[in-house]
Amino acid sequence: MDFLTSTVLSGLLYDGLKTGVTISAVWLKDTLRNWLIDDNTAQIMADKITQLGINDDLSGKAIKTRIDNDPELLRLLMEIKTAPQTINHVSTHHGSGDIVHGNKIIKN
């Protein structure tokens, strides 16, 4: 997944609202820390979410439906990309055999 989807956002909103969170730009930036989102975009999203009437009375599916029916919010979601991740493997090897990092296919 290269961009934030309405399914992911609706799930995060549902979980947050059920725990009593007030949806704000600060909460969105903190919750979406695995995505690249600037302050302005977070504020626009928070405002749109408020305008759509998304609250703790709605189900996850109802939240997703409201997001899916708003073209501007969907456009914003498509612009929010996942943050790049660097994975470092540090290994020390003594003896025979090999070190496996990740997937290895062994054919017998």
N, C-alpha and C. Protein backbone atom coordinates (compact mmCIF):
# COMPACT_ATOMS: atom_id res chain seq x y z
N MET A 1 0.86 -1.16 0.00
CA MET A 1 0.00 0.00 0.00
C MET A 1 0.90 1.23 0.00
N ASP A 2 0.78 2.06 -1.02
CA ASP A 2 1.62 3.23 -1.15
C ASP A 2 0.99 4.49 -0.55
N PHE A 3 -0.32 4.49 -0.40
CA PHE A 3 -0.99 5.68 0.12
C PHE A 3 -2.01 5.27 1.17
N LEU A 4 -2.45 6.24 1.94
CA LEU A 4 -3.43 6.02 2.99
C LEU A 4 -4.80 5.76 2.36
N THR A 5 -5.49 4.73 2.81
CA THR A 5 -6.80 4.39 2.24
C THR A 5 -7.92 4.79 3.20
N SER A 6 -9.12 4.86 2.65
CA SER A 6 -10.28 5.19 3.48
C SER A 6 -10.53 4.10 4.52
N THR A 7 -10.19 2.87 4.18
CA THR A 7 -10.38 1.76 5.12
C THR A 7 -9.48 1.93 6.33
N VAL A 8 -8.22 2.25 6.09
CA VAL A 8 -7.27 2.46 7.20
C VAL A 8 -7.70 3.66 8.03
N LEU A 9 -8.00 4.78 7.38
CA LEU A 9 -8.39 5.98 8.11
C LEU A 9 -9.67 5.75 8.92
N SER A 10 -10.66 5.10 8.33
CA SER A 10 -11.92 4.87 9.06
C SER A 10 -11.68 3.99 10.28
N GLY A 11 -10.81 3.00 10.16
CA GLY A 11 -10.49 2.14 11.31
C GLY A 11 -9.80 2.91 12.42
N LEU A 12 -8.85 3.77 12.05
CA LEU A 12 -8.16 4.59 13.04
C LEU A 12 -9.12 5.57 13.71
N LEU A 13 -9.98 6.19 12.91
CA LEU A 13 -10.97 7.12 13.47
C LEU A 13 -11.93 6.40 14.41
N TYR A 14 -12.42 5.24 13.98
CA TYR A 14 -13.36 4.47 14.80
C TYR A 14 -12.72 4.12 16.15
N ASP A 15 -11.50 3.58 16.10
CA ASP A 15 -10.80 3.20 17.34
C ASP A 15 -10.57 4.42 18.23
N GLY A 16 -10.15 5.52 17.63
CA GLY A 16 -9.89 6.73 18.41
C GLY A 16 -11.15 7.29 19.05
N LEU A 17 -12.22 7.37 18.26
CA LEU A 17 -13.47 7.92 18.78
C LEU A 17 -14.06 7.04 19.88
N LYS A 18 -13.92 5.75 19.77
CA LYS A 18 -14.46 4.85 20.79
C LYS A 18 -13.71 4.98 22.12
N THR A 19 -12.47 5.49 22.07
CA THR A 19 -11.71 5.70 23.31
C THR A 19 -11.83 7.13 23.81
N GLY A 20 -12.68 7.94 23.17
CA GLY A 20 -12.95 9.29 23.65
C GLY A 20 -12.04 10.37 23.10
N VAL A 21 -11.32 10.08 22.03
CA VAL A 21 -10.41 11.06 21.43
C VAL A 21 -11.20 12.15 20.72
N THR A 22 -10.70 13.36 20.78
CA THR A 22 -11.22 14.46 19.97
C THR A 22 -10.35 14.53 18.72
N ILE A 23 -10.97 14.42 17.57
CA ILE A 23 -10.22 14.42 16.31
C ILE A 23 -9.67 15.82 16.05
N SER A 24 -8.36 15.90 15.93
CA SER A 24 -7.68 17.17 15.67
C SER A 24 -6.50 16.91 14.74
N ALA A 25 -5.90 17.98 14.24
CA ALA A 25 -4.72 17.84 13.38
C ALA A 25 -3.58 17.19 14.15
N VAL A 26 -3.42 17.54 15.41
CA VAL A 26 -2.35 16.96 16.23
C VAL A 26 -2.57 15.46 16.40
N TRP A 27 -3.81 15.06 16.70
CA TRP A 27 -4.10 13.63 16.87
C TRP A 27 -3.88 12.88 15.56
N LEU A 28 -4.30 13.46 14.44
CA LEU A 28 -4.11 12.81 13.14
C LEU A 28 -2.62 12.63 12.84
N LYS A 29 -1.82 13.67 13.06
CA LYS A 29 -0.37 13.56 12.78
C LYS A 29 0.26 12.49 13.66
N ASP A 30 -0.15 12.43 14.92
CA ASP A 30 0.42 11.43 15.82
C ASP A 30 -0.03 10.02 15.42
N THR A 31 -1.29 9.88 15.10
CA THR A 31 -1.83 8.57 14.73
C THR A 31 -1.29 8.10 13.38
N LEU A 32 -1.07 9.03 12.48
CA LEU A 32 -0.58 8.70 11.13
C LEU A 32 0.93 8.89 11.02
N ARG A 33 1.65 8.59 12.08
CA ARG A 33 3.10 8.80 12.08
C ARG A 33 3.85 7.88 11.10
N ASN A 34 3.20 6.82 10.63
CA ASN A 34 3.82 5.95 9.63
C ASN A 34 3.59 6.45 8.21
N TRP A 35 2.90 7.57 8.08
CA TRP A 35 2.65 8.19 6.78
C TRP A 35 3.25 9.58 6.78
N LEU A 36 3.55 10.08 5.60
CA LEU A 36 4.09 11.44 5.46
C LEU A 36 2.93 12.41 5.34
N ILE A 37 2.67 13.15 6.41
CA ILE A 37 1.56 14.10 6.42
C ILE A 37 2.03 15.41 7.05
N ASP A 38 1.80 16.52 6.34
CA ASP A 38 2.23 17.81 6.87
C ASP A 38 1.11 18.43 7.71
N ASP A 39 1.47 19.50 8.43
CA ASP A 39 0.52 20.15 9.34
C ASP A 39 -0.72 20.67 8.62
N ASN A 40 -0.53 21.27 7.46
CA ASN A 40 -1.65 21.83 6.71
C ASN A 40 -2.63 20.74 6.27
N THR A 41 -2.10 19.64 5.74
CA THR A 41 -2.96 18.53 5.31
C THR A 41 -3.70 17.93 6.50
N ALA A 42 -3.01 17.79 7.62
CA ALA A 42 -3.65 17.24 8.82
C ALA A 42 -4.80 18.14 9.27
N GLN A 43 -4.60 19.46 9.21
CA GLN A 43 -5.66 20.39 9.61
C GLN A 43 -6.85 20.32 8.65
N ILE A 44 -6.57 20.26 7.36
CA ILE A 44 -7.65 20.15 6.37
C ILE A 44 -8.44 18.86 6.60
N MET A 45 -7.72 17.76 6.85
CA MET A 45 -8.40 16.48 7.10
C MET A 45 -9.25 16.55 8.36
N ALA A 46 -8.72 17.13 9.43
CA ALA A 46 -9.49 17.25 10.68
C ALA A 46 -10.76 18.06 10.45
N ASP A 47 -10.63 19.15 9.69
CA ASP A 47 -11.80 19.98 9.38
C ASP A 47 -12.83 19.20 8.56
N LYS A 48 -12.36 18.45 7.56
CA LYS A 48 -13.26 17.65 6.71
C LYS A 48 -13.98 16.59 7.54
N ILE A 49 -13.24 15.94 8.42
CA ILE A 49 -13.82 14.89 9.26
C ILE A 49 -14.93 15.49 10.14
N THR A 50 -14.68 16.67 10.67
CA THR A 50 -15.70 17.36 11.47
C THR A 50 -16.91 17.73 10.61
N GLN A 51 -16.67 18.25 9.41
CA GLN A 51 -17.76 18.63 8.50
C GLN A 51 -18.61 17.43 8.10
N LEU A 52 -17.98 16.27 7.99
CA LEU A 52 -18.71 15.06 7.60
C LEU A 52 -19.55 14.49 8.74
N GLY A 53 -19.42 15.07 9.93
CA GLY A 53 -20.21 14.59 11.06
C GLY A 53 -19.75 13.24 11.59
N ILE A 54 -18.48 12.95 11.41
CA ILE A 54 -17.94 11.67 11.90
C ILE A 54 -17.76 11.79 13.41
N ASN A 55 -18.45 10.90 14.13
CA ASN A 55 -18.39 10.92 15.59
C ASN A 55 -18.48 9.50 16.14
N ASP A 56 -18.48 9.39 17.46
CA ASP A 56 -18.45 8.06 18.09
C ASP A 56 -19.77 7.31 18.01
N ASP A 57 -20.81 7.93 17.46
CA ASP A 57 -22.09 7.24 17.28
C ASP A 57 -22.10 6.37 16.02
N LEU A 58 -21.12 6.57 15.14
CA LEU A 58 -21.09 5.86 13.86
C LEU A 58 -20.29 4.56 13.96
N SER A 59 -20.67 3.60 13.14
CA SER A 59 -19.90 2.36 13.03
C SER A 59 -18.69 2.60 12.13
N GLY A 60 -17.77 1.67 12.14
CA GLY A 60 -16.61 1.77 11.26
C GLY A 60 -17.02 1.83 9.80
N LYS A 61 -18.03 1.04 9.44
CA LYS A 61 -18.51 1.02 8.06
C LYS A 61 -19.15 2.36 7.67
N ALA A 62 -19.90 2.94 8.59
CA ALA A 62 -20.54 4.23 8.32
C ALA A 62 -19.49 5.33 8.16
N ILE A 63 -18.43 5.28 8.96
CA ILE A 63 -17.34 6.25 8.84
C ILE A 63 -16.68 6.10 7.48
N LYS A 64 -16.40 4.86 7.07
CA LYS A 64 -15.77 4.61 5.77
C LYS A 64 -16.65 5.13 4.64
N THR A 65 -17.96 4.90 4.73
CA THR A 65 -18.89 5.36 3.70
C THR A 65 -18.86 6.89 3.57
N ARG A 66 -18.83 7.58 4.69
CA ARG A 66 -18.77 9.05 4.64
C ARG A 66 -17.46 9.53 4.01
N ILE A 67 -16.37 8.86 4.34
CA ILE A 67 -15.07 9.22 3.74
C ILE A 67 -15.11 8.96 2.24
N ASP A 68 -15.62 7.78 1.85
CA ASP A 68 -15.66 7.40 0.43
C ASP A 68 -16.55 8.33 -0.40
N ASN A 69 -17.51 8.98 0.24
CA ASN A 69 -18.42 9.87 -0.48
C ASN A 69 -17.92 11.31 -0.57
N ASP A 70 -16.71 11.56 -0.08
CA ASP A 70 -16.15 12.91 -0.13
C ASP A 70 -14.92 12.93 -1.04
N PRO A 71 -15.07 13.42 -2.28
CA PRO A 71 -13.96 13.40 -3.25
C PRO A 71 -12.72 14.17 -2.78
N GLU A 72 -12.92 15.28 -2.08
CA GLU A 72 -11.77 16.07 -1.62
C GLU A 72 -10.95 15.31 -0.59
N LEU A 73 -11.62 14.65 0.34
CA LEU A 73 -10.91 13.87 1.36
C LEU A 73 -10.21 12.68 0.71
N LEU A 74 -10.85 12.04 -0.25
CA LEU A 74 -10.21 10.92 -0.96
C LEU A 74 -8.96 11.38 -1.71
N ARG A 75 -9.04 12.56 -2.31
CA ARG A 75 -7.87 13.11 -3.01
C ARG A 75 -6.72 13.34 -2.04
N LEU A 76 -7.05 13.89 -0.86
CA LEU A 76 -6.02 14.10 0.16
C LEU A 76 -5.39 12.78 0.59
N LEU A 77 -6.22 11.76 0.78
CA LEU A 77 -5.70 10.46 1.21
C LEU A 77 -4.72 9.89 0.19
N MET A 78 -5.02 10.07 -1.09
CA MET A 78 -4.14 9.53 -2.13
C MET A 78 -2.80 10.26 -2.18
N GLU A 79 -2.75 11.47 -1.64
CA GLU A 79 -1.49 12.22 -1.62
C GLU A 79 -0.63 11.87 -0.41
N ILE A 80 -1.20 11.20 0.58
CA ILE A 80 -0.45 10.85 1.79
C ILE A 80 0.22 9.50 1.57
N LYS A 81 1.52 9.54 1.46
CA LYS A 81 2.31 8.33 1.18
C LYS A 81 2.89 7.76 2.47
N THR A 82 3.20 6.48 2.43
CA THR A 82 3.83 5.86 3.59
C THR A 82 5.25 6.38 3.74
N ALA A 83 5.68 6.49 4.98
CA ALA A 83 7.04 6.95 5.26
C ALA A 83 8.02 5.85 4.88
N PRO A 84 9.15 6.23 4.27
CA PRO A 84 10.14 5.20 3.93
C PRO A 84 10.72 4.57 5.19
N GLN A 85 11.05 3.31 5.09
CA GLN A 85 11.61 2.59 6.22
C GLN A 85 12.93 1.96 5.83
N THR A 86 13.87 2.02 6.72
CA THR A 86 15.16 1.39 6.51
C THR A 86 15.27 0.22 7.47
N ILE A 87 15.61 -0.92 6.94
CA ILE A 87 15.78 -2.11 7.77
C ILE A 87 17.24 -2.51 7.71
N ASN A 88 17.88 -2.56 8.86
CA ASN A 88 19.28 -2.96 8.93
C ASN A 88 19.38 -4.33 9.58
N HIS A 89 20.12 -5.21 8.96
CA HIS A 89 20.39 -6.52 9.53
C HIS A 89 21.86 -6.56 9.90
N VAL A 90 22.14 -6.80 11.15
CA VAL A 90 23.51 -6.94 11.61
C VAL A 90 23.66 -8.36 12.11
N SER A 91 24.63 -9.08 11.55
CA SER A 91 24.80 -10.49 11.90
C SER A 91 26.26 -10.81 12.16
N THR A 92 26.46 -11.71 13.07
CA THR A 92 27.78 -12.28 13.31
C THR A 92 27.66 -13.76 13.06
N HIS A 93 28.58 -14.30 12.29
CA HIS A 93 28.48 -15.70 11.91
C HIS A 93 29.77 -16.43 12.25
N HIS A 94 29.63 -17.55 12.92
CA HIS A 94 30.77 -18.40 13.25
C HIS A 94 30.43 -19.82 12.82
N GLY A 95 31.31 -20.47 12.11
CA GLY A 95 31.08 -21.86 11.73
C GLY A 95 30.52 -21.99 10.34
N SER A 96 29.97 -23.17 10.06
CA SER A 96 29.44 -23.44 8.72
C SER A 96 27.95 -23.13 8.66
N GLY A 97 27.45 -23.07 7.44
CA GLY A 97 26.03 -22.78 7.25
C GLY A 97 25.85 -21.38 6.70
N ASP A 98 24.62 -20.94 6.69
CA ASP A 98 24.35 -19.60 6.17
C ASP A 98 23.44 -18.85 7.12
N ILE A 99 23.40 -17.55 6.92
CA ILE A 99 22.53 -16.68 7.71
C ILE A 99 21.37 -16.28 6.81
N VAL A 100 20.17 -16.40 7.32
CA VAL A 100 19.00 -16.07 6.52
C VAL A 100 18.35 -14.82 7.10
N HIS A 101 18.19 -13.80 6.25
CA HIS A 101 17.45 -12.59 6.61
C HIS A 101 16.29 -12.48 5.63
N GLY A 102 15.10 -12.59 6.11
CA GLY A 102 13.95 -12.50 5.21
C GLY A 102 13.51 -13.87 4.75
N ASN A 103 13.05 -13.95 3.53
CA ASN A 103 12.50 -15.19 2.99
C ASN A 103 13.59 -15.98 2.29
N LYS A 104 13.62 -17.26 2.53
CA LYS A 104 14.56 -18.13 1.84
C LYS A 104 13.78 -19.35 1.38
N ILE A 105 13.96 -19.69 0.12
CA ILE A 105 13.28 -20.85 -0.44
C ILE A 105 14.30 -21.97 -0.55
N ILE A 106 13.99 -23.09 0.05
CA ILE A 106 14.87 -24.26 0.01
C ILE A 106 14.18 -25.33 -0.81
N LYS A 107 14.84 -25.78 -1.86
CA LYS A 107 14.29 -26.84 -2.70
C LYS A 107 15.01 -28.13 -2.37
N ASN A 108 14.26 -29.14 -2.01
CA ASN A 108 14.84 -30.45 -1.69
C ASN A 108 14.83 -31.35 -2.89
